[in-house]
Amino acid sequence: MTTTFIPSSDNDKAVWLNNFSTKLGTYAASLGVTAAEVTATQKDASLFQYIINLLEVYRQTLKNLTGYKTQVKHAVGQQHLSAVIPALPTLATAPPTVPEGVFDRVSKLAARIKNSVNYTDNIGSDLGIITPTSNFDASTMQPTLKIKLDAGRPHIKWIKGDSDAMDLYVDRDDGVGFVLLGRLMRNEYVDIASLPANKPIDEWNYKGIYVIADQPVGMYSSVSSVTVKKL
């Protein structure tokens, strides 16, 4: 599991890059960063932020248009259609385009900065290029299972988190106890097993444990139950 100072989500990346590009010029001369590199990084940040903002505008407009379409098809209580059909607003002027690989470039630049003889931890902290200390403790990991019926079949979901997989077990009330359903890489599973012929209805129990590097880690989840009926 690799930890990096660059955030994982695109929105957080935009915030991080804005801070880095804004403050880079303050330290550029002492760190051996050229004025051209400062300008290029600021252009990278401007374009990336513009794209993130544009995506949000499109996302919210699509949501609004979808709701409008729903009302066009069917009345919703006492609500009435707006006289104005949703449309994209006037967009801000786009910044200049930049070469691909914004975060590839900035990662290399940050690595070079950290190797500068004038680099300090205070500078790294201000630029946001210090990898955060991880307090990760695999022994405390414990999945939480959520189960619902999907077309009559148990549909189990969980949050994968820092794990590589999860071992999922089931007890079908057949006297065998819990047996391994499988080591699952995805964070959901649909149990397609059929009820025995002599049982029109039964309660099945599930539990799971996280897996990292092919080894179970942490604690088993609480047992989650679901009532299954013959279709």
C-alpha atoms as a PDB file:
ATOM      1  CA  MET A   1       0.000   0.000   0.000  1.00  0.00           C
ATOM      2  CA  THR A   2       1.640   3.223  -1.175  1.00  0.00           C
ATOM      3  CA  THR A   3       1.220   6.472   0.714  1.00  0.00           C
ATOM      4  CA  THR A   4       1.768   9.787  -1.070  1.00  0.00           C
ATOM      5  CA  PHE A   5       1.488  13.469  -0.255  1.00  0.00           C
ATOM      6  CA  ILE A   6      -0.760  13.968  -3.292  1.00  0.00           C
ATOM      7  CA  PRO A   7      -4.405  13.303  -2.282  1.00  0.00           C
ATOM      8  CA  SER A   8      -6.394  10.540  -3.953  1.00  0.00           C
ATOM      9  CA  SER A   9      -9.614  12.382  -4.873  1.00  0.00           C
ATOM     10  CA  ASP A  10      -9.654  14.819  -7.780  1.00  0.00           C
ATOM     11  CA  ASN A  11     -11.201  17.617  -5.703  1.00  0.00           C
ATOM     12  CA  ASP A  12      -8.518  17.251  -3.046  1.00  0.00           C
ATOM     13  CA  LYS A  13      -5.871  17.100  -5.772  1.00  0.00           C
ATOM     14  CA  ALA A  14      -7.081  20.456  -7.081  1.00  0.00           C
ATOM     15  CA  VAL A  15      -6.856  22.027  -3.609  1.00  0.00           C
ATOM     16  CA  TRP A  16      -3.394  20.550  -3.052  1.00  0.00           C
ATOM     17  CA  LEU A  17      -2.089  21.702  -6.453  1.00  0.00           C
ATOM     18  CA  ASN A  18      -3.460  25.212  -5.913  1.00  0.00           C
ATOM     19  CA  ASN A  19      -1.528  25.488  -2.647  1.00  0.00           C
ATOM     20  CA  PHE A  20       1.654  24.061  -4.192  1.00  0.00           C
ATOM     21  CA  SER A  21       1.568  26.275  -7.279  1.00  0.00           C
ATOM     22  CA  THR A  22       0.656  29.412  -5.306  1.00  0.00           C
ATOM     23  CA  LYS A  23       3.542  29.046  -2.853  1.00  0.00           C
ATOM     24  CA  LEU A  24       6.141  27.586  -5.212  1.00  0.00           C
ATOM     25  CA  GLY A  25       7.416  30.999  -6.294  1.00  0.00           C
ATOM     26  CA  THR A  26       8.235  31.928  -2.702  1.00  0.00           C
ATOM     27  CA  TYR A  27      10.878  29.211  -2.493  1.00  0.00           C
ATOM     28  CA  ALA A  28      11.803  28.821  -6.172  1.00  0.00           C
ATOM     29  CA  ALA A  29      15.129  30.650  -6.183  1.00  0.00           C
ATOM     30  CA  SER A  30      16.560  28.876  -3.133  1.00  0.00           C
ATOM     31  CA  LEU A  31      15.364  25.461  -4.327  1.00  0.00           C
ATOM     32  CA  GLY A  32      16.654  25.737  -7.895  1.00  0.00           C
ATOM     33  CA  VAL A  33      13.202  26.004  -9.494  1.00  0.00           C
ATOM     34  CA  THR A  34      13.109  28.265 -12.542  1.00  0.00           C
ATOM     35  CA  ALA A  35      10.584  31.030 -13.177  1.00  0.00           C
ATOM     36  CA  ALA A  36       9.386  29.063 -16.219  1.00  0.00           C
ATOM     37  CA  GLU A  37       8.711  26.027 -14.029  1.00  0.00           C
ATOM     38  CA  VAL A  38       6.746  28.157 -11.568  1.00  0.00           C
ATOM     39  CA  THR A  39       4.623  29.581 -14.393  1.00  0.00           C
ATOM     40  CA  ALA A  40       4.076  26.142 -15.946  1.00  0.00           C
ATOM     41  CA  THR A  41       2.957  24.714 -12.588  1.00  0.00           C
ATOM     42  CA  GLN A  42       0.508  27.578 -12.104  1.00  0.00           C
ATOM     43  CA  LYS A  43      -0.915  26.937 -15.591  1.00  0.00           C
ATOM     44  CA  ASP A  44      -1.248  23.240 -14.736  1.00  0.00           C
ATOM     45  CA  ALA A  45      -3.160  24.137 -11.569  1.00  0.00           C
ATOM     46  CA  SER A  46      -5.439  26.574 -13.410  1.00  0.00           C
ATOM     47  CA  LEU A  47      -6.426  24.063 -16.071  1.00  0.00           C
ATOM     48  CA  PHE A  48      -6.973  21.212 -13.635  1.00  0.00           C
ATOM     49  CA  GLN A  49      -9.144  23.376 -11.368  1.00  0.00           C
ATOM     50  CA  TYR A  50     -11.124  24.579 -14.388  1.00  0.00           C
ATOM     51  CA  ILE A  51     -11.818  20.988 -15.462  1.00  0.00           C
ATOM     52  CA  ILE A  52     -12.913  20.019 -11.941  1.00  0.00           C
ATOM     53  CA  ASN A  53     -15.260  23.024 -11.800  1.00  0.00           C
ATOM     54  CA  LEU A  54     -16.581  22.249 -15.276  1.00  0.00           C
ATOM     55  CA  LEU A  55     -17.357  18.665 -14.314  1.00  0.00           C
ATOM     56  CA  GLU A  56     -19.350  19.871 -11.308  1.00  0.00           C
ATOM     57  CA  VAL A  57     -21.321  22.324 -13.458  1.00  0.00           C
ATOM     58  CA  TYR A  58     -22.163  19.541 -15.923  1.00  0.00           C
ATOM     59  CA  ARG A  59     -22.997  17.109 -13.108  1.00  0.00           C
ATOM     60  CA  GLN A  60     -25.420  19.475 -11.390  1.00  0.00           C
ATOM     61  CA  THR A  61     -26.981  20.552 -14.691  1.00  0.00           C
ATOM     62  CA  LEU A  62     -27.514  16.916 -15.678  1.00  0.00           C
ATOM     63  CA  LYS A  63     -29.110  16.264 -12.277  1.00  0.00           C
ATOM     64  CA  ASN A  64     -31.423  19.254 -12.775  1.00  0.00           C
ATOM     65  CA  LEU A  65     -32.302  18.195 -16.317  1.00  0.00           C
ATOM     66  CA  THR A  66     -33.015  14.621 -15.177  1.00  0.00           C
ATOM     67  CA  GLY A  67     -35.400  15.921 -12.511  1.00  0.00           C
ATOM     68  CA  TYR A  68     -37.087  18.123 -15.113  1.00  0.00           C
ATOM     69  CA  LYS A  69     -37.495  15.104 -17.403  1.00  0.00           C
ATOM     70  CA  THR A  70     -39.129  13.167 -14.552  1.00  0.00           C
ATOM     71  CA  GLN A  71     -41.696  15.929 -14.041  1.00  0.00           C
ATOM     72  CA  VAL A  72     -42.335  16.079 -17.777  1.00  0.00           C
ATOM     73  CA  LYS A  73     -43.238  12.383 -17.689  1.00  0.00           C
ATOM     74  CA  HIS A  74     -45.244  12.316 -14.448  1.00  0.00           C
ATOM     75  CA  ALA A  75     -46.723  14.888 -12.080  1.00  0.00           C
ATOM     76  CA  VAL A  76     -45.000  15.080  -8.688  1.00  0.00           C
ATOM     77  CA  GLY A  77     -47.439  16.153  -5.959  1.00  0.00           C
ATOM     78  CA  GLN A  78     -48.179  19.885  -6.169  1.00  0.00           C
ATOM     79  CA  GLN A  79     -44.912  20.680  -7.925  1.00  0.00           C
ATOM     80  CA  HIS A  80     -45.020  22.376 -11.307  1.00  0.00           C
ATOM     81  CA  LEU A  81     -42.578  22.556 -14.179  1.00  0.00           C
ATOM     82  CA  SER A  82     -40.367  25.600 -14.401  1.00  0.00           C
ATOM     83  CA  ALA A  83     -40.996  27.811 -17.413  1.00  0.00           C
ATOM     84  CA  VAL A  84     -37.297  27.619 -18.155  1.00  0.00           C
ATOM     85  CA  ILE A  85     -35.851  24.351 -19.436  1.00  0.00           C
ATOM     86  CA  PRO A  86     -32.555  23.589 -17.663  1.00  0.00           C
ATOM     87  CA  ALA A  87     -29.522  24.448 -19.756  1.00  0.00           C
ATOM     88  CA  LEU A  88     -25.832  24.909 -19.201  1.00  0.00           C
ATOM     89  CA  PRO A  89     -24.946  28.334 -17.794  1.00  0.00           C
ATOM     90  CA  THR A  90     -22.443  30.611 -19.479  1.00  0.00           C
ATOM     91  CA  LEU A  91     -19.071  29.108 -18.733  1.00  0.00           C
ATOM     92  CA  ALA A  92     -15.985  30.985 -17.603  1.00  0.00           C
ATOM     93  CA  THR A  93     -13.247  31.451 -20.171  1.00  0.00           C
ATOM     94  CA  ALA A  94     -11.074  28.349 -20.261  1.00  0.00           C
ATOM     95  CA  PRO A  95      -7.404  28.728 -19.351  1.00  0.00           C
ATOM     96  CA  PRO A  96      -4.717  27.717 -21.858  1.00  0.00           C
ATOM     97  CA  THR A  97      -4.271  23.986 -22.361  1.00  0.00           C
ATOM     98  CA  VAL A  98      -1.163  22.263 -21.029  1.00  0.00           C
ATOM     99  CA  PRO A  99       0.651  19.035 -21.903  1.00  0.00           C
ATOM    100  CA  GLU A 100      -0.768  15.844 -20.434  1.00  0.00           C
ATOM    101  CA  GLY A 101       0.574  14.477 -17.156  1.00  0.00           C
ATOM    102  CA  VAL A 102       0.074  17.365 -14.719  1.00  0.00           C
ATOM    103  CA  PHE A 103       0.620  15.237 -11.627  1.00  0.00           C
ATOM    104  CA  ASP A 104       3.453  13.273 -13.231  1.00  0.00           C
ATOM    105  CA  ARG A 105       5.305  16.564 -13.680  1.00  0.00           C
ATOM    106  CA  VAL A 106       4.523  17.953 -10.265  1.00  0.00           C
ATOM    107  CA  SER A 107       5.578  14.700  -8.555  1.00  0.00           C
ATOM    108  CA  LYS A 108       8.974  14.852 -10.261  1.00  0.00           C
ATOM    109  CA  LEU A 109       9.333  18.523  -9.381  1.00  0.00           C
ATOM    110  CA  ALA A 110       8.473  17.844  -5.743  1.00  0.00           C
ATOM    111  CA  ALA A 111      11.037  15.028  -5.614  1.00  0.00           C
ATOM    112  CA  ARG A 112      13.673  17.382  -7.008  1.00  0.00           C
ATOM    113  CA  ILE A 113      12.767  20.057  -4.469  1.00  0.00           C
ATOM    114  CA  LYS A 114      13.139  17.597  -1.594  1.00  0.00           C
ATOM    115  CA  ASN A 115      16.645  16.777  -2.806  1.00  0.00           C
ATOM    116  CA  SER A 116      17.706  20.424  -2.813  1.00  0.00           C
ATOM    117  CA  VAL A 117      20.418  21.383  -0.310  1.00  0.00           C
ATOM    118  CA  ASN A 118      18.230  24.286   0.829  1.00  0.00           C
ATOM    119  CA  TYR A 119      15.125  22.155   1.413  1.00  0.00           C
ATOM    120  CA  THR A 120      13.719  22.037   4.952  1.00  0.00           C
ATOM    121  CA  ASP A 121      10.787  20.264   6.555  1.00  0.00           C
ATOM    122  CA  ASN A 122       9.093  23.632   7.076  1.00  0.00           C
ATOM    123  CA  ILE A 123       9.240  24.287   3.337  1.00  0.00           C
ATOM    124  CA  GLY A 124       7.954  20.797   2.618  1.00  0.00           C
ATOM    125  CA  SER A 125       5.084  21.270   5.033  1.00  0.00           C
ATOM    126  CA  ASP A 126       4.140  24.617   3.500  1.00  0.00           C
ATOM    127  CA  LEU A 127       4.196  23.186  -0.020  1.00  0.00           C
ATOM    128  CA  GLY A 128       2.328  20.074   1.084  1.00  0.00           C
ATOM    129  CA  ILE A 129       4.980  17.635  -0.110  1.00  0.00           C
ATOM    130  CA  ILE A 130       5.648  15.754   3.102  1.00  0.00           C
ATOM    131  CA  THR A 131       4.143  12.263   3.086  1.00  0.00           C
ATOM    132  CA  PRO A 132       1.793  11.993   6.077  1.00  0.00           C
ATOM    133  CA  THR A 133       2.680   9.545   8.819  1.00  0.00           C
ATOM    134  CA  SER A 134       0.454   6.493   8.660  1.00  0.00           C
ATOM    135  CA  ASN A 135      -1.189   5.204  11.832  1.00  0.00           C
ATOM    136  CA  PHE A 136      -2.503   2.179   9.962  1.00  0.00           C
ATOM    137  CA  ASP A 137      -2.994  -0.840  12.231  1.00  0.00           C
ATOM    138  CA  ALA A 138      -4.231  -3.952  10.434  1.00  0.00           C
ATOM    139  CA  SER A 139      -5.015  -5.694  13.716  1.00  0.00           C
ATOM    140  CA  THR A 140      -7.930  -3.307  14.348  1.00  0.00           C
ATOM    141  CA  MET A 141      -9.548  -3.760  10.934  1.00  0.00           C
ATOM    142  CA  GLN A 142     -13.079  -5.144  11.007  1.00  0.00           C
ATOM    143  CA  PRO A 143     -15.536  -5.190   8.108  1.00  0.00           C
ATOM    144  CA  THR A 144     -19.186  -4.251   8.486  1.00  0.00           C
ATOM    145  CA  LEU A 145     -21.559  -6.277   6.329  1.00  0.00           C
ATOM    146  CA  LYS A 146     -24.760  -4.859   4.892  1.00  0.00           C
ATOM    147  CA  ILE A 147     -27.254  -7.326   3.436  1.00  0.00           C
ATOM    148  CA  LYS A 148     -30.417  -6.883   1.424  1.00  0.00           C
ATOM    149  CA  LEU A 149     -32.390  -9.179  -0.850  1.00  0.00           C
ATOM    150  CA  ASP A 150     -31.885  -8.631  -4.562  1.00  0.00           C
ATOM    151  CA  ALA A 151     -34.455 -10.610  -6.587  1.00  0.00           C
ATOM    152  CA  GLY A 152     -34.772 -12.877  -3.547  1.00  0.00           C
ATOM    153  CA  ARG A 153     -31.027 -13.494  -3.248  1.00  0.00           C
ATOM    154  CA  PRO A 154     -28.798 -12.164  -0.456  1.00  0.00           C
ATOM    155  CA  HIS A 155     -26.743  -9.226  -1.725  1.00  0.00           C
ATOM    156  CA  ILE A 156     -23.879  -8.535   0.661  1.00  0.00           C
ATOM    157  CA  LYS A 157     -21.856  -5.309   0.561  1.00  0.00           C
ATOM    158  CA  TRP A 158     -18.979  -3.905   2.603  1.00  0.00           C
ATOM    159  CA  ILE A 159     -16.379  -1.145   2.477  1.00  0.00           C
ATOM    160  CA  LYS A 160     -13.075  -2.462   1.124  1.00  0.00           C
ATOM    161  CA  GLY A 161     -10.962   0.244   2.753  1.00  0.00           C
ATOM    162  CA  ASP A 162      -7.235  -0.572   2.949  1.00  0.00           C
ATOM    163  CA  SER A 163      -7.746  -4.294   2.427  1.00  0.00           C
ATOM    164  CA  ASP A 164      -6.851  -6.291  -0.682  1.00  0.00           C
ATOM    165  CA  ALA A 165      -9.866  -8.595  -0.360  1.00  0.00           C
ATOM    166  CA  MET A 166     -12.279 -10.156   2.123  1.00  0.00           C
ATOM    167  CA  ASP A 167     -12.935 -13.767   3.073  1.00  0.00           C
ATOM    168  CA  LEU A 168     -16.714 -14.184   3.239  1.00  0.00           C
ATOM    169  CA  TYR A 169     -18.304 -17.031   5.210  1.00  0.00           C
ATOM    170  CA  VAL A 170     -21.875 -18.304   5.335  1.00  0.00           C
ATOM    171  CA  ASP A 171     -23.857 -20.504   7.709  1.00  0.00           C
ATOM    172  CA  ARG A 172     -26.949 -21.873   5.955  1.00  0.00           C
ATOM    173  CA  ASP A 173     -28.485 -23.411   9.086  1.00  0.00           C
ATOM    174  CA  ASP A 174     -27.626 -26.887   7.820  1.00  0.00           C
ATOM    175  CA  GLY A 175     -25.593 -28.062  10.806  1.00  0.00           C
ATOM    176  CA  VAL A 176     -22.263 -27.512   9.051  1.00  0.00           C
ATOM    177  CA  GLY A 177     -21.601 -24.087  10.539  1.00  0.00           C
ATOM    178  CA  PHE A 178     -19.727 -21.328   8.764  1.00  0.00           C
ATOM    179  CA  VAL A 179     -18.034 -22.265   5.494  1.00  0.00           C
ATOM    180  CA  LEU A 180     -15.910 -20.091   3.225  1.00  0.00           C
ATOM    181  CA  LEU A 181     -17.792 -18.671   0.254  1.00  0.00           C
ATOM    182  CA  GLY A 182     -14.628 -17.254  -1.253  1.00  0.00           C
ATOM    183  CA  ARG A 183     -11.897 -14.643  -1.168  1.00  0.00           C
ATOM    184  CA  LEU A 184     -13.541 -11.660  -2.791  1.00  0.00           C
ATOM    185  CA  MET A 185     -11.650  -8.810  -4.445  1.00  0.00           C
ATOM    186  CA  ARG A 186     -14.761  -6.720  -5.024  1.00  0.00           C
ATOM    187  CA  ASN A 187     -16.762  -5.157  -2.194  1.00  0.00           C
ATOM    188  CA  GLU A 188     -20.019  -6.991  -2.881  1.00  0.00           C
ATOM    189  CA  TYR A 189     -21.336 -10.493  -3.425  1.00  0.00           C
ATOM    190  CA  VAL A 190     -24.676 -11.983  -4.515  1.00  0.00           C
ATOM    191  CA  ASP A 191     -25.328 -15.421  -3.034  1.00  0.00           C
ATOM    192  CA  ILE A 192     -27.075 -17.454  -5.723  1.00  0.00           C
ATOM    193  CA  ALA A 193     -27.324 -20.681  -3.700  1.00  0.00           C
ATOM    194  CA  SER A 194     -30.779 -22.303  -3.569  1.00  0.00           C
ATOM    195  CA  LEU A 195     -32.717 -23.342  -0.505  1.00  0.00           C
ATOM    196  CA  PRO A 196     -32.987 -27.088   0.157  1.00  0.00           C
ATOM    197  CA  ALA A 197     -36.165 -28.685  -1.200  1.00  0.00           C
ATOM    198  CA  ASN A 198     -37.508 -29.246   2.326  1.00  0.00           C
ATOM    199  CA  LYS A 199     -37.058 -25.618   3.413  1.00  0.00           C
ATOM    200  CA  PRO A 200     -39.353 -22.990   1.884  1.00  0.00           C
ATOM    201  CA  ILE A 201     -37.849 -20.346   4.189  1.00  0.00           C
ATOM    202  CA  ASP A 202     -34.647 -20.120   6.216  1.00  0.00           C
ATOM    203  CA  GLU A 203     -32.265 -17.721   7.906  1.00  0.00           C
ATOM    204  CA  TRP A 204     -28.709 -17.526   6.581  1.00  0.00           C
ATOM    205  CA  ASN A 205     -25.843 -15.927   8.511  1.00  0.00           C
ATOM    206  CA  TYR A 206     -22.757 -14.241   7.083  1.00  0.00           C
ATOM    207  CA  LYS A 207     -19.465 -12.985   8.458  1.00  0.00           C
ATOM    208  CA  GLY A 208     -16.222 -11.795   6.909  1.00  0.00           C
ATOM    209  CA  ILE A 209     -12.631 -10.892   7.640  1.00  0.00           C
ATOM    210  CA  TYR A 210     -10.320  -8.600   5.699  1.00  0.00           C
ATOM    211  CA  VAL A 211      -7.315  -9.910   3.746  1.00  0.00           C
ATOM    212  CA  ILE A 212      -4.001  -8.129   3.093  1.00  0.00           C
ATOM    213  CA  ALA A 213      -1.103  -9.739   1.203  1.00  0.00           C
ATOM    214  CA  ASP A 214      -3.045 -13.037   1.049  1.00  0.00           C
ATOM    215  CA  GLN A 215      -3.388 -13.208   4.854  1.00  0.00           C
ATOM    216  CA  PRO A 216      -6.532 -12.655   6.960  1.00  0.00           C
ATOM    217  CA  VAL A 217      -6.057  -9.624   9.211  1.00  0.00           C
ATOM    218  CA  GLY A 218      -7.918  -7.937  12.027  1.00  0.00           C
ATOM    219  CA  MET A 219     -11.224  -9.138  13.411  1.00  0.00           C
ATOM    220  CA  TYR A 220     -14.223 -10.925  11.945  1.00  0.00           C
ATOM    221  CA  SER A 221     -17.258  -8.811  11.278  1.00  0.00           C
ATOM    222  CA  SER A 222     -20.342  -9.174  13.409  1.00  0.00           C
ATOM    223  CA  VAL A 223     -22.624 -11.913  12.114  1.00  0.00           C
ATOM    224  CA  SER A 224     -25.303 -10.528   9.787  1.00  0.00           C
ATOM    225  CA  SER A 225     -28.490 -12.472   9.114  1.00  0.00           C
ATOM    226  CA  VAL A 226     -31.052 -12.467   6.339  1.00  0.00           C
ATOM    227  CA  THR A 227     -34.271 -14.413   5.821  1.00  0.00           C
ATOM    228  CA  VAL A 228     -34.322 -16.268   2.505  1.00  0.00           C
ATOM    229  CA  LYS A 229     -37.502 -17.590   0.888  1.00  0.00           C
ATOM    230  CA  LYS A 230     -37.879 -20.073  -1.934  1.00  0.00           C
ATOM    231  CA  LEU A 231     -38.751 -18.257  -5.148  1.00  0.00           C
END
